[in-house]
């Protein structure tokens, strides 16, 4: 089992996206920090995954394609677009995927690759937000389109 952190927009969305993938064993929703100057807490998730079923490159690609990776997030803000890594191999894989997506889109990459610094979970009432509230307007407007994208473009790894 391995883990990696992702941040990019609302952690309710990010949690729902990764819970929809085969090989993802657990998604912890909350706030992640890195080293200074990126040590402000930012919404994110820790994804625990089985690399025999889903690899880190695929997880990074799903992340980059399901949030505004080239958006104008404030790097130090609450919605930082980042991949939080635990080792040099994860860093290399994340950088390669970010570069690939940036080259493909022709837009500069704004997603940062940062060392994981710390995690604190969201309040219990917000955990598993999509699974608990799929009919809420927020879920229908923001999360459902991302899950539809996964079912169309990553069908082989999408949970039924």
N, C-alpha and C. Protein backbone atom coordinates (compact mmCIF):
# COMPACT_ATOMS: atom_id res chain seq x y z
N UNK A 1 0.83 -1.17 0.00
CA UNK A 1 0.00 0.00 0.00
C UNK A 1 0.89 1.24 0.00
N UNK A 2 0.47 2.25 -0.75
CA UNK A 2 1.18 3.53 -0.80
C UNK A 2 0.19 4.65 -0.54
N UNK A 3 0.72 5.85 -0.27
CA UNK A 3 -0.16 7.01 -0.14
C UNK A 3 0.49 8.22 -0.79
N UNK A 4 -0.38 9.14 -1.20
CA UNK A 4 0.01 10.38 -1.86
C UNK A 4 -1.05 11.42 -1.51
N UNK A 5 -0.67 12.68 -1.52
CA UNK A 5 -1.62 13.75 -1.23
C UNK A 5 -1.95 14.55 -2.48
N UNK A 6 -3.20 14.99 -2.57
CA UNK A 6 -3.65 15.82 -3.69
C UNK A 6 -4.46 16.99 -3.17
N UNK A 7 -4.22 18.15 -3.75
CA UNK A 7 -5.01 19.33 -3.44
C UNK A 7 -5.34 20.04 -4.73
N UNK A 8 -6.54 20.54 -4.83
CA UNK A 8 -6.94 21.25 -6.04
C UNK A 8 -8.41 21.58 -5.98
N UNK A 9 -8.74 22.73 -5.48
CA UNK A 9 -10.14 23.07 -5.31
C UNK A 9 -10.68 22.43 -4.05
N UNK A 10 -11.96 22.25 -4.04
CA UNK A 10 -12.66 21.75 -2.87
C UNK A 10 -12.31 20.30 -2.56
N UNK A 11 -12.05 20.01 -1.32
CA UNK A 11 -11.70 18.62 -0.97
C UNK A 11 -12.91 17.68 -1.04
N UNK A 12 -14.13 18.20 -1.03
CA UNK A 12 -15.30 17.33 -1.24
C UNK A 12 -15.23 16.73 -2.64
N UNK A 13 -14.88 17.58 -3.63
CA UNK A 13 -14.76 17.09 -5.01
C UNK A 13 -13.61 16.11 -5.14
N UNK A 14 -12.47 16.48 -4.60
CA UNK A 14 -11.28 15.65 -4.72
C UNK A 14 -11.50 14.29 -4.07
N UNK A 15 -12.14 14.28 -2.92
CA UNK A 15 -12.45 13.03 -2.24
C UNK A 15 -13.35 12.15 -3.11
N UNK A 16 -14.42 12.73 -3.66
CA UNK A 16 -15.35 11.97 -4.50
C UNK A 16 -14.68 11.38 -5.73
N UNK A 17 -13.77 12.14 -6.34
CA UNK A 17 -13.06 11.67 -7.53
C UNK A 17 -12.24 10.43 -7.20
N UNK A 18 -11.44 10.48 -6.16
CA UNK A 18 -10.56 9.34 -5.87
C UNK A 18 -11.31 8.15 -5.29
N UNK A 19 -12.43 8.38 -4.62
CA UNK A 19 -13.23 7.26 -4.14
C UNK A 19 -13.85 6.48 -5.30
N UNK A 20 -13.91 7.08 -6.47
CA UNK A 20 -14.51 6.44 -7.65
C UNK A 20 -13.55 5.54 -8.41
N UNK A 21 -12.31 5.39 -7.92
CA UNK A 21 -11.29 4.65 -8.66
C UNK A 21 -10.97 3.31 -8.02
N UNK A 22 -10.88 2.29 -8.86
CA UNK A 22 -10.42 0.97 -8.40
C UNK A 22 -8.96 1.08 -7.98
N UNK A 23 -8.63 0.37 -6.94
CA UNK A 23 -7.25 0.39 -6.45
C UNK A 23 -7.03 1.42 -5.37
N UNK A 24 -7.98 2.35 -5.22
CA UNK A 24 -7.91 3.31 -4.12
C UNK A 24 -8.60 2.65 -2.94
N UNK A 25 -7.84 2.45 -1.87
CA UNK A 25 -8.33 1.73 -0.71
C UNK A 25 -9.00 2.66 0.29
N UNK A 26 -8.46 3.87 0.43
CA UNK A 26 -8.99 4.84 1.39
C UNK A 26 -8.67 6.24 0.91
N UNK A 27 -9.58 7.17 1.18
CA UNK A 27 -9.36 8.58 0.90
C UNK A 27 -9.64 9.34 2.19
N UNK A 28 -8.62 10.01 2.70
CA UNK A 28 -8.79 10.84 3.90
C UNK A 28 -8.94 12.28 3.45
N UNK A 29 -10.05 12.88 3.82
CA UNK A 29 -10.33 14.26 3.43
C UNK A 29 -9.95 15.21 4.55
N UNK A 30 -9.32 16.32 4.20
CA UNK A 30 -8.97 17.29 5.23
C UNK A 30 -8.12 18.41 4.68
N UNK A 31 -7.08 18.72 5.43
CA UNK A 31 -6.20 19.84 5.11
C UNK A 31 -4.75 19.35 5.14
N UNK A 32 -3.99 19.78 4.13
CA UNK A 32 -2.60 19.34 3.99
C UNK A 32 -1.70 20.58 4.02
N UNK A 33 -0.53 20.40 4.57
CA UNK A 33 0.47 21.45 4.52
C UNK A 33 1.79 20.86 4.05
N UNK A 34 2.65 21.75 3.59
CA UNK A 34 3.98 21.35 3.16
C UNK A 34 4.98 22.15 3.97
N UNK A 35 6.19 22.23 3.47
CA UNK A 35 7.23 23.03 4.11
C UNK A 35 7.04 24.50 3.73
N UNK A 36 7.57 25.39 4.54
CA UNK A 36 7.53 26.83 4.24
C UNK A 36 8.17 27.07 2.88
N UNK A 37 7.64 27.91 2.06
CA UNK A 37 6.56 28.85 2.35
C UNK A 37 5.17 28.30 2.07
N UNK A 38 5.02 27.01 1.87
CA UNK A 38 3.74 26.38 1.54
C UNK A 38 3.15 25.67 2.76
N UNK A 39 3.39 26.22 3.94
CA UNK A 39 2.97 25.55 5.16
C UNK A 39 1.58 25.97 5.65
N UNK A 40 0.90 26.86 4.93
CA UNK A 40 -0.49 27.17 5.27
C UNK A 40 -1.35 25.95 4.93
N UNK A 41 -2.31 25.65 5.76
CA UNK A 41 -3.19 24.51 5.52
C UNK A 41 -4.05 24.75 4.29
N UNK A 42 -4.14 23.75 3.44
CA UNK A 42 -4.89 23.84 2.19
C UNK A 42 -5.77 22.60 2.06
N UNK A 43 -6.96 22.76 1.48
CA UNK A 43 -7.85 21.63 1.32
C UNK A 43 -7.19 20.55 0.46
N UNK A 44 -7.37 19.30 0.86
CA UNK A 44 -6.77 18.22 0.11
C UNK A 44 -7.19 16.86 0.64
N UNK A 45 -6.64 15.84 0.02
CA UNK A 45 -6.93 14.46 0.42
C UNK A 45 -5.64 13.66 0.45
N UNK A 46 -5.61 12.67 1.31
CA UNK A 46 -4.57 11.65 1.28
C UNK A 46 -5.20 10.42 0.66
N UNK A 47 -4.57 9.91 -0.38
CA UNK A 47 -5.08 8.75 -1.11
C UNK A 47 -4.18 7.56 -0.81
N UNK A 48 -4.78 6.52 -0.24
CA UNK A 48 -4.09 5.26 0.01
C UNK A 48 -4.46 4.33 -1.13
N UNK A 49 -3.46 3.80 -1.83
CA UNK A 49 -3.76 3.02 -3.03
C UNK A 49 -2.86 1.80 -3.14
N UNK A 50 -3.37 0.84 -3.91
CA UNK A 50 -2.64 -0.39 -4.20
C UNK A 50 -1.98 -0.23 -5.56
N UNK A 51 -0.65 -0.08 -5.62
CA UNK A 51 0.02 0.16 -6.90
C UNK A 51 -0.05 -1.03 -7.86
N UNK A 52 -0.48 -2.19 -7.38
CA UNK A 52 -0.67 -3.33 -8.28
C UNK A 52 -1.95 -3.18 -9.09
N UNK A 53 -2.86 -2.30 -8.63
CA UNK A 53 -4.13 -2.09 -9.31
C UNK A 53 -4.16 -0.74 -10.04
N UNK A 54 -3.64 0.29 -9.40
CA UNK A 54 -3.61 1.63 -10.01
C UNK A 54 -2.28 2.27 -9.68
N UNK A 55 -1.62 2.81 -10.70
CA UNK A 55 -0.30 3.39 -10.45
C UNK A 55 -0.38 4.89 -10.17
N UNK A 56 0.69 5.40 -9.64
CA UNK A 56 0.76 6.81 -9.26
C UNK A 56 0.58 7.73 -10.47
N UNK A 57 1.14 7.37 -11.61
CA UNK A 57 0.98 8.19 -12.81
C UNK A 57 -0.48 8.36 -13.19
N UNK A 58 -1.25 7.30 -13.10
CA UNK A 58 -2.68 7.36 -13.41
C UNK A 58 -3.41 8.23 -12.39
N UNK A 59 -3.09 8.07 -11.12
CA UNK A 59 -3.71 8.91 -10.09
C UNK A 59 -3.42 10.39 -10.35
N UNK A 60 -2.17 10.70 -10.68
CA UNK A 60 -1.80 12.08 -10.96
C UNK A 60 -2.54 12.60 -12.19
N UNK A 61 -2.66 11.77 -13.22
CA UNK A 61 -3.38 12.20 -14.42
C UNK A 61 -4.85 12.46 -14.11
N UNK A 62 -5.50 11.58 -13.38
CA UNK A 62 -6.90 11.80 -13.00
C UNK A 62 -7.02 13.12 -12.24
N UNK A 63 -6.13 13.35 -11.31
CA UNK A 63 -6.17 14.60 -10.53
C UNK A 63 -6.05 15.82 -11.45
N UNK A 64 -5.09 15.80 -12.33
CA UNK A 64 -4.85 16.95 -13.20
C UNK A 64 -5.99 17.18 -14.18
N UNK A 65 -6.68 16.14 -14.57
CA UNK A 65 -7.76 16.27 -15.54
C UNK A 65 -9.13 16.53 -14.91
N UNK A 66 -9.23 16.43 -13.59
CA UNK A 66 -10.53 16.62 -12.95
C UNK A 66 -10.60 17.86 -12.06
N UNK A 67 -9.61 18.71 -12.12
CA UNK A 67 -9.72 20.02 -11.49
C UNK A 67 -8.98 21.02 -12.40
N UNK A 68 -9.14 22.27 -12.14
CA UNK A 68 -8.52 23.31 -12.99
C UNK A 68 -7.04 23.41 -12.65
N UNK A 69 -6.29 22.43 -13.13
CA UNK A 69 -4.85 22.37 -12.82
C UNK A 69 -4.10 23.58 -13.36
N UNK A 70 -4.62 24.21 -14.38
CA UNK A 70 -3.97 25.41 -14.93
C UNK A 70 -4.70 26.68 -14.50
N UNK A 71 -5.60 26.55 -13.53
CA UNK A 71 -6.36 27.69 -13.03
C UNK A 71 -5.49 28.66 -12.26
N UNK A 72 -6.09 29.71 -11.80
CA UNK A 72 -5.35 30.77 -11.11
C UNK A 72 -5.49 30.65 -9.60
N UNK A 73 -5.21 29.48 -9.07
CA UNK A 73 -5.23 29.29 -7.64
C UNK A 73 -4.15 30.13 -7.00
N UNK A 74 -4.43 30.60 -5.81
CA UNK A 74 -3.40 31.26 -5.02
C UNK A 74 -2.51 30.17 -4.42
N UNK A 75 -1.24 30.13 -4.77
CA UNK A 75 -0.38 29.04 -4.30
C UNK A 75 -0.36 28.87 -2.79
N UNK A 76 -0.50 29.97 -2.06
CA UNK A 76 -0.47 29.87 -0.61
C UNK A 76 -1.86 29.75 -0.01
N UNK A 77 -2.87 29.71 -0.87
CA UNK A 77 -4.24 29.75 -0.38
C UNK A 77 -4.86 28.42 -0.04
N UNK A 78 -6.12 28.49 0.31
CA UNK A 78 -6.88 27.34 0.78
C UNK A 78 -7.09 26.28 -0.30
N UNK A 79 -7.06 26.67 -1.56
CA UNK A 79 -7.34 25.74 -2.65
C UNK A 79 -6.13 25.51 -3.55
N UNK A 80 -4.98 25.39 -2.98
CA UNK A 80 -3.73 25.19 -3.71
C UNK A 80 -3.80 23.95 -4.60
N UNK A 81 -3.37 24.09 -5.85
CA UNK A 81 -3.28 22.95 -6.76
C UNK A 81 -1.91 22.31 -6.56
N UNK A 82 -1.92 21.11 -5.96
CA UNK A 82 -0.64 20.49 -5.61
C UNK A 82 -0.76 18.97 -5.54
N UNK A 83 0.40 18.35 -5.71
CA UNK A 83 0.57 16.94 -5.43
C UNK A 83 1.61 16.87 -4.31
N UNK A 84 1.22 16.28 -3.19
CA UNK A 84 2.08 16.21 -2.01
C UNK A 84 2.74 14.84 -1.97
N UNK A 85 4.05 14.83 -2.09
CA UNK A 85 4.79 13.58 -2.26
C UNK A 85 5.52 13.18 -0.98
N UNK A 86 5.79 11.88 -0.89
CA UNK A 86 6.47 11.31 0.27
C UNK A 86 7.89 10.87 -0.04
N UNK A 87 8.26 10.80 -1.34
CA UNK A 87 9.62 10.38 -1.66
C UNK A 87 10.01 10.87 -3.07
N UNK A 88 11.28 10.64 -3.42
CA UNK A 88 11.82 11.13 -4.70
C UNK A 88 11.14 10.47 -5.90
N UNK A 89 10.79 9.19 -5.81
CA UNK A 89 10.11 8.52 -6.92
C UNK A 89 8.74 9.16 -7.18
N UNK A 90 8.00 9.43 -6.12
CA UNK A 90 6.70 10.09 -6.29
C UNK A 90 6.88 11.47 -6.91
N UNK A 91 7.90 12.19 -6.46
CA UNK A 91 8.16 13.53 -7.02
C UNK A 91 8.41 13.43 -8.52
N UNK A 92 9.26 12.51 -8.94
CA UNK A 92 9.60 12.36 -10.35
C UNK A 92 8.36 12.01 -11.18
N UNK A 93 7.56 11.08 -10.69
CA UNK A 93 6.35 10.68 -11.41
C UNK A 93 5.38 11.85 -11.54
N UNK A 94 5.18 12.59 -10.46
CA UNK A 94 4.27 13.74 -10.48
C UNK A 94 4.75 14.81 -11.45
N UNK A 95 6.03 15.13 -11.42
CA UNK A 95 6.59 16.14 -12.32
C UNK A 95 6.42 15.73 -13.77
N UNK A 96 6.70 14.47 -14.08
CA UNK A 96 6.55 13.99 -15.45
C UNK A 96 5.11 14.10 -15.94
N UNK A 97 4.14 13.76 -15.10
CA UNK A 97 2.74 13.84 -15.51
C UNK A 97 2.29 15.30 -15.65
N UNK A 98 2.71 16.16 -14.77
CA UNK A 98 2.36 17.58 -14.88
C UNK A 98 2.94 18.15 -16.17
N UNK A 99 4.19 17.84 -16.46
CA UNK A 99 4.82 18.30 -17.71
C UNK A 99 4.08 17.76 -18.93
N UNK A 100 3.68 16.51 -18.90
CA UNK A 100 2.96 15.89 -20.01
C UNK A 100 1.63 16.63 -20.26
N UNK A 101 0.88 16.87 -19.22
CA UNK A 101 -0.42 17.54 -19.36
C UNK A 101 -0.21 18.99 -19.82
N UNK A 102 0.79 19.66 -19.30
CA UNK A 102 1.07 21.04 -19.72
C UNK A 102 1.46 21.10 -21.19
N UNK A 103 2.31 20.17 -21.63
CA UNK A 103 2.71 20.13 -23.05
C UNK A 103 1.51 19.83 -23.94
N UNK A 104 0.68 18.92 -23.51
CA UNK A 104 -0.51 18.55 -24.28
C UNK A 104 -1.48 19.72 -24.42
N UNK A 105 -1.66 20.47 -23.34
CA UNK A 105 -2.62 21.58 -23.35
C UNK A 105 -2.04 22.88 -23.89
N UNK A 106 -0.72 22.99 -23.88
CA UNK A 106 -0.08 24.22 -24.31
C UNK A 106 -0.19 25.34 -23.28
N UNK A 107 -0.67 25.01 -22.09
CA UNK A 107 -0.81 26.00 -21.02
C UNK A 107 0.24 25.73 -19.94
N UNK A 108 0.70 26.78 -19.30
CA UNK A 108 1.70 26.56 -18.25
C UNK A 108 1.11 25.78 -17.08
N UNK A 109 1.91 24.94 -16.50
CA UNK A 109 1.47 24.15 -15.35
C UNK A 109 1.50 25.02 -14.10
N UNK A 110 0.42 24.97 -13.34
CA UNK A 110 0.36 25.69 -12.07
C UNK A 110 0.32 24.74 -10.88
N UNK A 111 0.13 23.47 -11.16
CA UNK A 111 0.11 22.49 -10.07
C UNK A 111 1.53 22.30 -9.56
N UNK A 112 1.67 22.41 -8.26
CA UNK A 112 2.99 22.28 -7.64
C UNK A 112 3.20 20.87 -7.12
N UNK A 113 4.43 20.46 -7.09
CA UNK A 113 4.81 19.20 -6.44
C UNK A 113 5.54 19.61 -5.17
N UNK A 114 4.95 19.24 -4.04
CA UNK A 114 5.46 19.68 -2.75
C UNK A 114 5.69 18.49 -1.82
N UNK A 115 6.66 18.61 -0.93
CA UNK A 115 6.82 17.54 0.06
C UNK A 115 5.66 17.58 1.05
N UNK A 116 5.16 16.40 1.39
CA UNK A 116 4.10 16.30 2.38
C UNK A 116 4.63 16.76 3.72
N UNK A 117 3.87 17.62 4.39
CA UNK A 117 4.31 18.13 5.68
C UNK A 117 3.42 17.70 6.84
N UNK A 118 2.12 17.70 6.61
CA UNK A 118 1.20 17.34 7.68
C UNK A 118 -0.22 17.25 7.17
N UNK A 119 -1.06 16.63 7.97
CA UNK A 119 -2.46 16.43 7.59
C UNK A 119 -3.33 16.56 8.83
N UNK A 120 -4.47 17.21 8.66
CA UNK A 120 -5.49 17.20 9.71
C UNK A 120 -6.83 16.97 9.03
N UNK A 121 -7.61 16.03 9.56
CA UNK A 121 -8.87 15.66 8.90
C UNK A 121 -9.93 16.75 9.03
N UNK A 122 -10.87 16.73 8.08
CA UNK A 122 -12.05 17.58 8.15
C UNK A 122 -12.93 17.10 9.29
N UNK A 123 -13.90 17.92 9.63
CA UNK A 123 -14.88 17.50 10.63
C UNK A 123 -15.60 16.25 10.13
N UNK A 124 -15.99 15.39 11.04
CA UNK A 124 -16.64 14.12 10.69
C UNK A 124 -17.86 14.32 9.81
N UNK A 125 -18.61 15.39 10.00
CA UNK A 125 -19.83 15.60 9.21
C UNK A 125 -19.54 15.86 7.74
N UNK A 126 -18.29 16.20 7.40
CA UNK A 126 -17.94 16.44 6.00
C UNK A 126 -17.23 15.26 5.34
N UNK A 127 -16.88 14.26 6.11
CA UNK A 127 -16.21 13.08 5.56
C UNK A 127 -17.17 12.32 4.64
N UNK A 128 -16.63 11.73 3.58
CA UNK A 128 -17.44 10.97 2.62
C UNK A 128 -18.61 11.81 2.12
N UNK A 129 -18.32 13.06 1.82
CA UNK A 129 -19.37 14.02 1.51
C UNK A 129 -20.24 13.57 0.33
N UNK A 130 -19.62 13.19 -0.77
CA UNK A 130 -20.42 12.80 -1.93
C UNK A 130 -21.22 11.52 -1.66
N UNK A 131 -20.59 10.55 -1.06
CA UNK A 131 -21.30 9.29 -0.77
C UNK A 131 -22.49 9.51 0.15
N UNK A 132 -22.39 10.48 1.04
CA UNK A 132 -23.47 10.76 1.98
C UNK A 132 -24.52 11.72 1.42
N UNK A 133 -24.17 12.48 0.40
CA UNK A 133 -25.05 13.55 -0.09
C UNK A 133 -25.12 13.65 -1.61
N UNK A 134 -25.23 12.55 -2.35
CA UNK A 134 -25.11 12.64 -3.81
C UNK A 134 -26.17 13.51 -4.48
N UNK A 135 -27.30 13.71 -3.85
CA UNK A 135 -28.36 14.51 -4.46
C UNK A 135 -28.29 15.99 -4.16
N UNK A 136 -27.38 16.40 -3.31
CA UNK A 136 -27.28 17.83 -2.96
C UNK A 136 -26.86 18.63 -4.17
N UNK A 137 -27.31 19.88 -4.27
CA UNK A 137 -26.97 20.71 -5.44
C UNK A 137 -25.47 20.83 -5.68
N UNK A 138 -24.66 20.96 -4.63
CA UNK A 138 -23.21 21.06 -4.81
C UNK A 138 -22.67 19.81 -5.51
N UNK A 139 -23.11 18.65 -5.05
CA UNK A 139 -22.63 17.39 -5.63
C UNK A 139 -23.06 17.26 -7.08
N UNK A 140 -24.29 17.60 -7.37
CA UNK A 140 -24.78 17.48 -8.74
C UNK A 140 -24.06 18.45 -9.67
N UNK A 141 -23.79 19.64 -9.18
CA UNK A 141 -23.18 20.67 -10.04
C UNK A 141 -21.68 20.46 -10.23
N UNK A 142 -20.98 20.08 -9.17
CA UNK A 142 -19.52 20.05 -9.25
C UNK A 142 -18.90 18.65 -9.29
N UNK A 143 -19.47 17.71 -8.55
CA UNK A 143 -18.84 16.40 -8.46
C UNK A 143 -19.34 15.46 -9.55
N UNK A 144 -20.64 15.45 -9.81
CA UNK A 144 -21.18 14.56 -10.85
C UNK A 144 -20.47 14.72 -12.20
N UNK A 145 -20.21 15.94 -12.69
CA UNK A 145 -19.50 16.05 -13.97
C UNK A 145 -18.10 15.44 -13.94
N UNK A 146 -17.42 15.51 -12.82
CA UNK A 146 -16.09 14.91 -12.70
C UNK A 146 -16.19 13.39 -12.73
N UNK A 147 -17.20 12.86 -12.08
CA UNK A 147 -17.39 11.41 -12.08
C UNK A 147 -17.81 10.93 -13.46
N UNK A 148 -18.61 11.70 -14.18
CA UNK A 148 -18.97 11.36 -15.56
C UNK A 148 -17.71 11.34 -16.43
N UNK A 149 -16.83 12.30 -16.22
CA UNK A 149 -15.56 12.35 -16.97
C UNK A 149 -14.74 11.08 -16.71
N UNK A 150 -14.66 10.67 -15.46
CA UNK A 150 -13.91 9.46 -15.12
C UNK A 150 -14.53 8.25 -15.81
N UNK A 151 -15.86 8.13 -15.75
CA UNK A 151 -16.51 6.97 -16.39
C UNK A 151 -16.28 6.95 -17.90
N UNK A 152 -16.20 8.11 -18.53
CA UNK A 152 -15.95 8.18 -19.97
C UNK A 152 -14.49 7.95 -20.33
N UNK A 153 -13.58 8.54 -19.59
CA UNK A 153 -12.18 8.57 -19.98
C UNK A 153 -11.26 7.62 -19.21
N UNK A 154 -11.74 7.07 -18.12
CA UNK A 154 -10.95 6.14 -17.31
C UNK A 154 -11.81 4.94 -16.94
N UNK A 155 -12.60 4.47 -17.89
CA UNK A 155 -13.57 3.39 -17.63
C UNK A 155 -12.92 2.14 -17.03
N UNK A 156 -11.72 1.83 -17.44
CA UNK A 156 -11.06 0.60 -16.97
C UNK A 156 -10.76 0.63 -15.47
N UNK A 157 -10.67 1.82 -14.89
CA UNK A 157 -10.35 1.91 -13.46
C UNK A 157 -11.48 2.53 -12.65
N UNK A 158 -12.59 2.85 -13.30
CA UNK A 158 -13.73 3.44 -12.58
C UNK A 158 -14.49 2.36 -11.83
N UNK A 159 -14.87 2.67 -10.62
CA UNK A 159 -15.74 1.75 -9.87
C UNK A 159 -17.14 1.79 -10.48
N UNK A 160 -17.85 0.67 -10.42
CA UNK A 160 -19.21 0.66 -10.99
C UNK A 160 -20.15 1.59 -10.23
